[in-house]
Every structure is written in structure tokens, then in C-alpha cells.
C-alpha atoms as a PDB file:
ATOM      1  CA  MET A   1     -11.869 -41.490  33.528  1.00  0.00           C
ATOM      2  CA  LYS A   2     -12.927 -44.435  31.340  1.00  0.00           C
ATOM      3  CA  THR A   3     -15.711 -42.350  29.800  1.00  0.00           C
ATOM      4  CA  GLN A   4     -13.264 -39.620  28.804  1.00  0.00           C
ATOM      5  CA  ALA A   5     -10.902 -42.153  27.224  1.00  0.00           C
ATOM      6  CA  TRP A   6     -13.757 -43.699  25.214  1.00  0.00           C
ATOM      7  CA  GLY A   7     -14.747 -40.200  24.049  1.00  0.00           C
ATOM      8  CA  TRP A   8     -11.228 -39.462  22.803  1.00  0.00           C
ATOM      9  CA  LEU A   9     -11.053 -42.833  21.087  1.00  0.00           C
ATOM     10  CA  ALA A  10     -14.383 -42.191  19.315  1.00  0.00           C
ATOM     11  CA  ALA A  11     -13.221 -38.710  18.210  1.00  0.00           C
ATOM     12  CA  GLY A  12     -10.020 -40.212  16.806  1.00  0.00           C
ATOM     13  CA  VAL A  13     -11.905 -42.891  14.855  1.00  0.00           C
ATOM     14  CA  VAL A  14     -14.292 -40.284  13.400  1.00  0.00           C
ATOM     15  CA  ALA A  15     -11.369 -38.024  12.446  1.00  0.00           C
ATOM     16  CA  LEU A  16      -9.569 -40.941  10.779  1.00  0.00           C
ATOM     17  CA  GLY A  17     -12.691 -41.837   8.818  1.00  0.00           C
ATOM     18  CA  LEU A  18     -13.258 -38.241   7.670  1.00  0.00           C
ATOM     19  CA  ASN A  19      -9.608 -37.943   6.645  1.00  0.00           C
ATOM     20  CA  GLY A  20      -9.852 -41.079   4.499  1.00  0.00           C
ATOM     21  CA  PHE A  21     -13.121 -39.877   2.984  1.00  0.00           C
ATOM     22  CA  TYR A  22     -11.536 -36.525   2.142  1.00  0.00           C
ATOM     23  CA  HIS A  23      -8.430 -38.050   0.534  1.00  0.00           C
ATOM     24  CA  ASP A  24     -10.530 -40.447  -1.524  1.00  0.00           C
ATOM     25  CA  GLY A  25     -12.198 -37.443  -3.194  1.00  0.00           C
ATOM     26  CA  GLY A  26     -15.437 -37.612  -1.237  1.00  0.00           C
ATOM     27  CA  ALA A  27     -15.390 -33.870  -0.457  1.00  0.00           C
ATOM     28  CA  GLN A  28     -15.020 -32.729  -4.070  1.00  0.00           C
ATOM     29  CA  TRP A  29     -18.524 -31.250  -4.017  1.00  0.00           C
ATOM     30  CA  LEU A  30     -17.479 -29.100  -1.047  1.00  0.00           C
ATOM     31  CA  HIS A  31     -14.510 -27.703  -2.975  1.00  0.00           C
ATOM     32  CA  GLN A  32     -16.697 -26.944  -5.991  1.00  0.00           C
ATOM     33  CA  THR A  33     -19.267 -25.175  -3.836  1.00  0.00           C
ATOM     34  CA  VAL A  34     -16.643 -23.085  -2.033  1.00  0.00           C
ATOM     35  CA  ASP A  35     -14.967 -22.194  -5.344  1.00  0.00           C
ATOM     36  CA  ARG A  36     -18.259 -21.134  -6.914  1.00  0.00           C
ATOM     37  CA  VAL A  37     -19.202 -19.004  -3.874  1.00  0.00           C
ATOM     38  CA  ARG A  38     -15.727 -17.391  -3.927  1.00  0.00           C
ATOM     39  CA  THR A  39     -15.949 -16.426  -7.607  1.00  0.00           C
ATOM     40  CA  GLN A  40     -19.494 -15.103  -7.333  1.00  0.00           C
ATOM     41  CA  THR A  41     -18.623 -13.116  -4.231  1.00  0.00           C
ATOM     42  CA  GLY A  42     -15.538 -11.738  -5.975  1.00  0.00           C
ATOM     43  CA  ALA A  43     -17.656 -10.584  -8.922  1.00  0.00           C
ATOM     44  CA  VAL A  44     -20.203  -8.891  -6.644  1.00  0.00           C
ATOM     45  CA  LEU A  45     -17.450  -7.163  -4.635  1.00  0.00           C
ATOM     46  CA  ALA A  46     -15.743  -5.981  -7.827  1.00  0.00           C
ATOM     47  CA  LEU A  47     -19.032  -4.539  -9.054  1.00  0.00           C
ATOM     48  CA  ALA A  48     -19.765  -2.910  -5.689  1.00  0.00           C
ATOM     49  CA  THR A  49     -16.349  -1.250  -5.504  1.00  0.00           C
ATOM     50  CA  GLY A  50     -16.626   0.095  -9.036  1.00  0.00           C
ATOM     51  CA  ARG A  51     -13.842  -2.002 -10.542  1.00  0.00           C
ATOM     52  CA  ALA A  52     -15.414  -2.852 -13.868  1.00  0.00           C
ATOM     53  CA  ASP A  53     -12.286  -4.528 -15.227  1.00  0.00           C
ATOM     54  CA  GLU A  54     -12.173  -6.969 -12.300  1.00  0.00           C
ATOM     55  CA  PHE A  55     -15.913  -7.638 -12.665  1.00  0.00           C
ATOM     56  CA  LEU A  56     -15.387  -8.426 -16.354  1.00  0.00           C
ATOM     57  CA  VAL A  57     -12.622 -10.907 -15.499  1.00  0.00           C
ATOM     58  CA  GLN A  58     -14.728 -12.610 -12.829  1.00  0.00           C
ATOM     59  CA  THR A  59     -17.747 -13.012 -15.111  1.00  0.00           C
ATOM     60  CA  GLN A  60     -15.605 -14.318 -17.957  1.00  0.00           C
ATOM     61  CA  GLN A  61     -14.051 -16.861 -15.583  1.00  0.00           C
ATOM     62  CA  VAL A  62     -17.480 -18.050 -14.446  1.00  0.00           C
ATOM     63  CA  ALA A  63     -18.638 -18.298 -18.069  1.00  0.00           C
ATOM     64  CA  ALA A  64     -15.503 -20.237 -19.017  1.00  0.00           C
ATOM     65  CA  ARG A  65     -16.035 -22.672 -16.129  1.00  0.00           C
ATOM     66  CA  ASP A  66     -19.674 -23.200 -17.033  1.00  0.00           C
ATOM     67  CA  GLU A  67     -18.798 -23.823 -20.682  1.00  0.00           C
ATOM     68  CA  THR A  68     -15.946 -26.232 -19.936  1.00  0.00           C
ATOM     69  CA  ALA A  69     -16.819 -29.613 -21.366  1.00  0.00           C
ATOM     70  CA  SER A  70     -15.227 -32.969 -20.787  1.00  0.00           C
ATOM     71  CA  CYS A  71     -13.200 -32.514 -23.977  1.00  0.00           C
ATOM     72  CA  ARG A  72      -9.544 -31.663 -23.319  1.00  0.00           C
ATOM     73  CA  MET A  73      -9.459 -29.200 -26.186  1.00  0.00           C
ATOM     74  CA  ALA A  74     -12.441 -27.263 -24.784  1.00  0.00           C
ATOM     75  CA  THR A  75     -10.797 -27.228 -21.347  1.00  0.00           C
ATOM     76  CA  ALA A  76      -7.550 -25.909 -22.812  1.00  0.00           C
ATOM     77  CA  MET A  77      -9.446 -23.220 -24.733  1.00  0.00           C
ATOM     78  CA  ALA A  78     -11.278 -22.191 -21.548  1.00  0.00           C
ATOM     79  CA  ARG A  79      -7.931 -21.821 -19.769  1.00  0.00           C
ATOM     80  CA  VAL A  80      -6.559 -19.722 -22.619  1.00  0.00           C
ATOM     81  CA  GLN A  81      -9.665 -17.521 -22.554  1.00  0.00           C
ATOM     82  CA  THR A  82      -9.324 -17.085 -18.791  1.00  0.00           C
ATOM     83  CA  SER A  83      -5.668 -16.146 -19.190  1.00  0.00           C
ATOM     84  CA  PHE A  84      -6.604 -13.711 -21.964  1.00  0.00           C
ATOM     85  CA  ALA A  85      -9.277 -12.165 -19.725  1.00  0.00           C
ATOM     86  CA  HIS A  86      -6.680 -11.683 -16.975  1.00  0.00           C
ATOM     87  CA  SER A  87      -4.289  -9.982 -19.379  1.00  0.00           C
ATOM     88  CA  GLN A  88      -7.097  -7.739 -20.695  1.00  0.00           C
ATOM     89  CA  ALA A  89      -7.951  -6.749 -17.140  1.00  0.00           C
ATOM     90  CA  GLY A  90      -4.307  -5.949 -16.482  1.00  0.00           C
ATOM     91  CA  LEU A  91      -4.135  -3.801 -19.611  1.00  0.00           C
ATOM     92  CA  ALA A  92      -7.372  -2.042 -18.638  1.00  0.00           C
ATOM     93  CA  ARG A  93      -5.949  -1.323 -15.188  1.00  0.00           C
ATOM     94  CA  ILE A  94      -2.753   0.055 -16.745  1.00  0.00           C
ATOM     95  CA  GLU A  95      -4.789   2.204 -19.130  1.00  0.00           C
ATOM     96  CA  ALA A  96      -6.894   3.525 -16.243  1.00  0.00           C
ATOM     97  CA  ASN A  97      -3.748   4.382 -14.267  1.00  0.00           C
ATOM     98  CA  ARG A  98      -2.281   6.152 -17.308  1.00  0.00           C
ATOM     99  CA  ALA A  99      -5.455   8.201 -17.752  1.00  0.00           C
ATOM    100  CA  ARG A 100      -5.471   9.073 -14.047  1.00  0.00           C
ATOM    101  CA  MET A 101      -1.822  10.181 -14.185  1.00  0.00           C
ATOM    102  CA  GLU A 102      -2.468  12.280 -17.307  1.00  0.00           C
ATOM    103  CA  GLY A 103      -5.336  13.978 -15.488  1.00  0.00           C
ATOM    104  CA  MET A 104      -3.124  14.724 -12.496  1.00  0.00           C
ATOM    105  CA  LEU A 105      -0.404  16.076 -14.807  1.00  0.00           C
ATOM    106  CA  ALA A 106      -2.902  18.304 -16.624  1.00  0.00           C
ATOM    107  CA  ALA A 107      -4.176  19.667 -13.298  1.00  0.00           C
ATOM    108  CA  LYS A 108      -0.615  20.452 -12.188  1.00  0.00           C
ATOM    109  CA  GLN A 109       0.113  22.183 -15.504  1.00  0.00           C
ATOM    110  CA  VAL A 110      -2.968  24.373 -15.048  1.00  0.00           C
ATOM    111  CA  ARG A 111      -1.835  25.277 -11.533  1.00  0.00           C
ATOM    112  CA  LEU A 112       1.661  26.078 -12.786  1.00  0.00           C
ATOM    113  CA  GLN A 113       0.271  28.290 -15.574  1.00  0.00           C
ATOM    114  CA  THR A 114      -1.920  30.103 -13.056  1.00  0.00           C
ATOM    115  CA  VAL A 115       1.030  30.756 -10.765  1.00  0.00           C
ATOM    116  CA  THR A 116       3.181  31.861 -13.696  1.00  0.00           C
ATOM    117  CA  GLU A 117       0.509  34.303 -14.898  1.00  0.00           C
ATOM    118  CA  THR A 118       0.126  35.648 -11.363  1.00  0.00           C
ATOM    119  CA  PHE A 119       3.851  36.326 -11.114  1.00  0.00           C
ATOM    120  CA  ARG A 120       3.859  38.028 -14.508  1.00  0.00           C
ATOM    121  CA  GLN A 121       1.111  40.375 -13.371  1.00  0.00           C
ATOM    122  CA  ILE A 122       3.021  41.409 -10.272  1.00  0.00           C
ATOM    123  CA  LYS A 123       5.137  44.475 -11.003  1.00  0.00           C
ATOM    124  CA  LEU A 124       8.272  44.481  -8.981  1.00  0.00           C
ATOM    125  CA  GLU A 125       9.639  47.860  -8.062  1.00  0.00           C
ATOM    126  CA  PRO A 126      13.307  48.264  -7.344  1.00  0.00           C
ATOM    127  CA  VAL A 127      14.121  48.120  -3.689  1.00  0.00           C
ATOM    128  CA  GLN A 128      15.505  51.348  -2.285  1.00  0.00           C
ATOM    129  CA  ALA A 129      18.730  50.857  -0.439  1.00  0.00           C
ATOM    130  CA  CYS A 130      18.700  51.849   3.186  1.00  0.00           C
ATOM    131  CA  PRO A 131      21.376  54.389   4.169  1.00  0.00           C
ATOM    132  CA  ARG A 132      24.162  52.944   6.222  1.00  0.00           C
ATOM    133  CA  VAL A 133      24.386  54.030   9.789  1.00  0.00           C
ATOM    134  CA  ARG A 134      27.773  53.940  11.428  1.00  0.00           C
ATOM    135  CA  VAL A 135      27.945  53.566  15.165  1.00  0.00           C
ATOM    136  CA  ASN A 136      31.182  54.095  17.071  1.00  0.00           C
ATOM    137  CA  ILE A 137      31.351  52.331  20.392  1.00  0.00           C
ATOM    138  CA  PRO A 138      34.222  53.563  22.539  1.00  0.00           C
ATOM    139  CA  SER A 139      36.399  50.878  24.065  1.00  0.00           C
ATOM    140  CA  PRO A 140      36.289  50.652  27.843  1.00  0.00           C
ATOM    141  CA  PRO A 141      39.268  51.950  29.796  1.00  0.00           C
ATOM    142  CA  ALA A 142      41.915  49.389  30.773  1.00  0.00           C
ATOM    143  CA  VAL A 143      41.536  48.189  34.327  1.00  0.00           C
ATOM    144  CA  ARG A 144      44.592  46.951  36.199  1.00  0.00           C
ATOM    145  CA  VAL A 145      43.937  44.155  38.631  1.00  0.00           C
ATOM    146  CA  PRO A 146      46.467  43.997  41.461  1.00  0.00           C
ATOM    147  CA  VAL A 147      48.242  40.680  42.043  1.00  0.00           C
ATOM    148  CA  ILE A 148      48.225  39.480  45.654  1.00  0.00           C
ATOM    149  CA  HIS A 149      50.854  37.006  46.893  1.00  0.00           C
ATOM    150  CA  VAL A 150      50.007  34.914  49.937  1.00  0.00           C
ATOM    151  CA  GLU A 151      52.781  33.107  51.774  1.00  0.00           C
ATOM    152  CA  MET A 152      51.983  29.929  53.617  1.00  0.00           C
ATOM    153  CA  ALA A 153      53.852  29.069  56.733  1.00  0.00           C
ATOM    154  CA  GLY A 154      54.859  25.394  56.797  1.00  0.00           C
ATOM    155  CA  ALA A 155      53.430  22.357  55.089  1.00  0.00           C
ATOM    156  CA  GLY A 156      50.415  22.227  57.320  1.00  0.00           C
ATOM    157  CA  PRO A 157      49.388  20.006  60.258  1.00  0.00           C
ATOM    158  CA  VAL A 158      51.388  16.875  60.780  1.00  0.00           C
END
């Protein structure tokens, strides 16, 4: 029991030390490494999926980060360039969607023209009216049902 308590106490002290180290900025290198891996992976995935606009944005972001100097003006310019790259990617995506929709519309217009031409080629002949046939169904003879009256003796068992 004492060994388990000492183990928990040691784990708590290590966790407290790591927490202080993290909040003092000691894990900044870890954040930079994870951020760099995320952006490079994003660029590779964008290239692999065929999204050239997203790949362009990712590479411009990496270039802007690499070029960022300690000067505040250069940092601000890098942020503006990154924002501009995002807006260009958005416009490229909108343009691609517009082109895709125009293609779909053109394909539907071709189909509609084909159907219209097909209907124009069909010669409709007037439909001949069918002669009317009259059927007389005789009504059945009236049947009289006799009415039977039953008299009950008394109100029943007491």
C-alpha cells in the first residue's frame, strides 16, 4: 500500500513539473514541429487529392512562414500575403464550381435538344375513336320478404 502511494505521489510531482515547464514556454519547439508537420501534410494531401488551389495556399503559407523575419512590418506583410492567398484559393474554388455548373448545364441543354428533336421526328396520327357500346342490364324482379311476428309468453324465468 505504501509503495502505491509513493508511486502516485511521484506521478503527481512529475505532472506538476511538466505543467510548469509547459506554461513557461518550454514546449514551444514541440508546437513549432507539430505545426510544420501539419502544414506539410496538408500540402501533400491537397496535391494527392488533386486540389491545386489548396496546394497553392499551403505552399504560400509555408513560404510566408519561412520568410517571416523578426521585423513587425515583415510579419504583418506575411499575414496579409497569407490572407490574400486564402482569398485567391476561395475565388479559384468558386470559379471551379462555376465552370462545373456551366458544364452540367450545357450537358442538360444537349439532352433537352436531343429529346426535343426526337419528339419532332415522331409523327402523331390522330387517334380513331372507338364506337360506343351500349349494354342494357335488366333490373332483377322485386322479391317480397314475409314479415314474421313472434309472441313471447311472459317476461321469462323469475
